[in-house]
């Protein structure tokens, strides 16, 4: 499936182009618009639920931020991640939206909760499924669920050192290895 990157898609002409492309192609439309004075959200209200229309609220004039987000989207493993420093708010959310919009369709996106236990980070014994099945059943952790995608660790500076070490070990190995609770995964 093709992907078309369009800027200013909420303006008068841009919204007409978005509607036309959605009606006449099977392409995914990535619409980057800063939503300034010329933007009209009502112009694409009928396309709000269309999964082929991805709106990223970002200012294309911030070339370095756009380049970094798109590079990370293209090769998150090769780039080794990114550190985004900024207060919570629309600027950070816009950059994360740009990153998410640049990822391939279906690429996993997981947020890492602060204080995440090892069983949720790496995986372990799924107690409910084990009791139901009558034999040990492994549960995938956040890192395994995000394979091929992105893990967002907000406030990463507050991660427990042991948690940070486990994340780095998984990145170095390129795989999640769990050996506990009678399971090897």
Protein backbone atom coordinates (compact mmCIF):
# COMPACT_ATOMS: atom_id res chain seq x y z
CA UNK A 1 0.00 0.00 0.00
CA UNK A 2 1.32 3.41 -0.96
CA UNK A 3 1.81 6.20 1.55
CA UNK A 4 1.41 9.84 0.52
CA UNK A 5 2.88 12.59 2.71
CA UNK A 6 0.94 15.82 2.44
CA UNK A 7 1.50 19.12 4.23
CA UNK A 8 -1.23 21.62 4.96
CA UNK A 9 -4.01 19.09 4.47
CA UNK A 10 -6.46 21.00 6.66
CA UNK A 11 -6.39 24.12 4.49
CA UNK A 12 -8.94 24.88 1.77
CA UNK A 13 -7.00 23.27 -1.10
CA UNK A 14 -5.18 20.69 1.01
CA UNK A 15 -8.39 19.26 2.44
CA UNK A 16 -9.82 18.89 -1.09
CA UNK A 17 -6.67 16.99 -2.09
CA UNK A 18 -6.97 14.71 0.97
CA UNK A 19 -10.63 13.95 0.20
CA UNK A 20 -9.80 13.27 -3.46
CA UNK A 21 -6.89 10.94 -2.64
CA UNK A 22 -8.93 9.00 -0.09
CA UNK A 23 -11.76 8.59 -2.60
CA UNK A 24 -9.65 7.63 -5.63
CA UNK A 25 -6.67 5.69 -4.24
CA UNK A 26 -5.99 3.03 -1.61
CA UNK A 27 -3.01 5.02 -0.27
CA UNK A 28 -2.48 6.00 3.35
CA UNK A 29 -2.46 9.79 3.59
CA UNK A 30 -0.11 11.25 6.21
CA UNK A 31 -1.34 14.81 6.66
CA UNK A 32 1.15 17.08 8.45
CA UNK A 33 -0.53 20.32 9.46
CA UNK A 34 0.34 22.72 12.28
CA UNK A 35 -3.35 23.71 12.55
CA UNK A 36 -2.69 27.45 12.38
CA UNK A 37 -5.18 30.18 11.41
CA UNK A 38 -5.77 28.73 7.91
CA UNK A 39 -6.69 25.24 9.11
CA UNK A 40 -10.30 24.15 9.11
CA UNK A 41 -10.91 20.92 11.09
CA UNK A 42 -14.49 20.85 9.76
CA UNK A 43 -13.15 20.42 6.22
CA UNK A 44 -12.09 16.84 7.03
CA UNK A 45 -14.60 16.00 9.75
CA UNK A 46 -16.05 13.22 7.58
CA UNK A 47 -12.58 11.63 7.32
CA UNK A 48 -11.84 11.67 11.07
CA UNK A 49 -12.54 7.93 11.45
CA UNK A 50 -10.86 6.89 8.20
CA UNK A 51 -7.87 4.68 9.14
CA UNK A 52 -6.07 5.71 5.94
CA UNK A 53 -5.99 9.37 7.03
CA UNK A 54 -3.28 10.06 9.62
CA UNK A 55 -3.08 13.60 10.93
CA UNK A 56 0.16 14.72 12.53
CA UNK A 57 0.03 18.12 14.19
CA UNK A 58 3.51 19.45 13.55
CA UNK A 59 5.30 22.47 12.16
CA UNK A 60 7.30 21.46 9.10
CA UNK A 61 9.58 24.46 9.69
CA UNK A 62 11.23 22.54 12.54
CA UNK A 63 13.30 20.52 10.09
CA UNK A 64 15.60 18.87 12.63
CA UNK A 65 12.74 17.56 14.75
CA UNK A 66 10.92 16.28 11.65
CA UNK A 67 14.06 14.61 10.31
CA UNK A 68 14.80 12.90 13.64
CA UNK A 69 11.24 11.57 13.99
CA UNK A 70 11.13 10.24 10.44
CA UNK A 71 14.59 8.65 10.69
CA UNK A 72 13.57 6.90 13.90
CA UNK A 73 10.36 5.71 12.22
CA UNK A 74 12.32 4.25 9.29
CA UNK A 75 14.96 2.41 11.35
CA UNK A 76 14.27 2.40 15.10
CA UNK A 77 16.68 -0.48 15.75
CA UNK A 78 19.53 0.87 13.65
CA UNK A 79 19.19 4.33 15.15
CA UNK A 80 19.09 2.85 18.66
CA UNK A 81 16.28 5.07 19.88
CA UNK A 82 15.94 8.73 20.63
CA UNK A 83 15.94 10.91 23.70
CA UNK A 84 13.24 13.55 23.67
CA UNK A 85 13.64 16.22 26.30
CA UNK A 86 10.68 18.43 26.85
CA UNK A 87 7.86 19.14 29.20
CA UNK A 88 4.61 17.27 28.68
CA UNK A 89 2.41 19.17 26.30
CA UNK A 90 1.52 19.81 22.67
CA UNK A 91 5.10 20.11 21.36
CA UNK A 92 6.14 16.72 22.71
CA UNK A 93 2.83 15.16 21.68
CA UNK A 94 3.24 16.55 18.15
CA UNK A 95 6.72 15.05 17.83
CA UNK A 96 5.50 11.68 19.08
CA UNK A 97 2.58 11.95 16.65
CA UNK A 98 4.99 12.61 13.80
CA UNK A 99 7.05 9.59 14.82
CA UNK A 100 3.99 7.37 15.11
CA UNK A 101 2.65 8.53 11.76
CA UNK A 102 5.96 7.68 10.08
CA UNK A 103 5.97 4.09 11.34
CA UNK A 104 4.76 1.30 9.06
CA UNK A 105 1.09 0.40 9.44
CA UNK A 106 0.60 -1.98 12.34
CA UNK A 107 3.99 -1.27 13.92
CA UNK A 108 3.65 -1.77 17.67
CA UNK A 109 3.66 1.26 19.97
CA UNK A 110 3.90 0.65 23.71
CA UNK A 111 4.18 3.05 26.63
CA UNK A 112 6.36 1.83 29.46
CA UNK A 113 4.71 2.53 32.81
CA UNK A 114 6.92 4.07 35.46
CA UNK A 115 7.75 1.44 38.09
CA UNK A 116 7.01 -1.42 35.68
CA UNK A 117 7.69 -4.81 37.32
CA UNK A 118 9.98 -7.32 35.60
CA UNK A 119 7.04 -9.61 34.90
CA UNK A 120 5.40 -6.89 32.79
CA UNK A 121 8.66 -5.60 31.27
CA UNK A 122 10.14 -8.94 30.21
CA UNK A 123 7.23 -11.35 30.53
CA UNK A 124 6.71 -14.28 32.83
CA UNK A 125 4.06 -16.63 34.06
CA UNK A 126 0.49 -15.73 33.08
CA UNK A 127 -1.21 -16.89 36.26
CA UNK A 128 -4.81 -16.69 35.02
CA UNK A 129 -4.03 -18.55 31.78
CA UNK A 130 -1.90 -21.11 33.67
CA UNK A 131 -4.73 -21.87 36.10
CA UNK A 132 -7.23 -22.16 33.23
CA UNK A 133 -4.96 -24.37 31.10
CA UNK A 134 -3.56 -26.53 33.87
CA UNK A 135 0.02 -26.02 32.67
CA UNK A 136 2.45 -23.09 32.67
CA UNK A 137 1.58 -20.40 30.13
CA UNK A 138 4.02 -17.60 29.33
CA UNK A 139 2.93 -13.96 29.15
CA UNK A 140 4.74 -11.61 26.79
CA UNK A 141 6.22 -8.49 28.32
CA UNK A 142 6.11 -4.92 27.02
CA UNK A 143 9.49 -5.27 25.29
CA UNK A 144 8.44 -8.41 23.38
CA UNK A 145 5.09 -6.84 22.48
CA UNK A 146 6.93 -3.86 20.98
CA UNK A 147 9.20 -5.99 18.77
CA UNK A 148 9.72 -4.09 15.52
CA UNK A 149 8.15 -0.95 16.91
CA UNK A 150 8.60 1.70 19.56
CA UNK A 151 8.63 1.71 23.36
CA UNK A 152 7.97 5.14 24.85
CA UNK A 153 9.50 5.54 28.31
CA UNK A 154 8.21 8.86 29.58
CA UNK A 155 10.34 10.20 32.44
CA UNK A 156 13.03 7.62 31.64
CA UNK A 157 15.39 9.43 33.99
CA UNK A 158 13.22 8.10 36.82
CA UNK A 159 13.50 4.45 35.81
CA UNK A 160 14.95 2.14 38.42
CA UNK A 161 18.60 1.40 37.51
CA UNK A 162 17.83 -2.34 37.35
CA UNK A 163 14.96 -1.71 34.91
CA UNK A 164 17.16 0.48 32.72
CA UNK A 165 19.84 -2.24 32.75
CA UNK A 166 17.31 -4.87 31.63
CA UNK A 167 16.12 -2.66 28.78
CA UNK A 168 19.69 -2.02 27.63
CA UNK A 169 20.49 -5.76 27.83
CA UNK A 170 17.51 -6.54 25.60
CA UNK A 171 18.62 -3.85 23.14
CA UNK A 172 22.18 -5.24 23.10
CA UNK A 173 21.04 -8.85 22.58
CA UNK A 174 18.25 -7.97 20.18
CA UNK A 175 15.89 -10.36 21.97
CA UNK A 176 14.01 -10.81 25.22
CA UNK A 177 15.15 -13.87 27.18
CA UNK A 178 13.04 -14.99 30.15
CA UNK A 179 14.13 -17.86 32.37
CA UNK A 180 12.15 -17.97 35.58
CA UNK A 181 8.96 -19.30 37.09
CA UNK A 182 9.72 -22.62 35.40
CA UNK A 183 9.56 -20.99 31.96
CA UNK A 184 12.10 -20.36 29.25
CA UNK A 185 11.01 -17.94 26.54
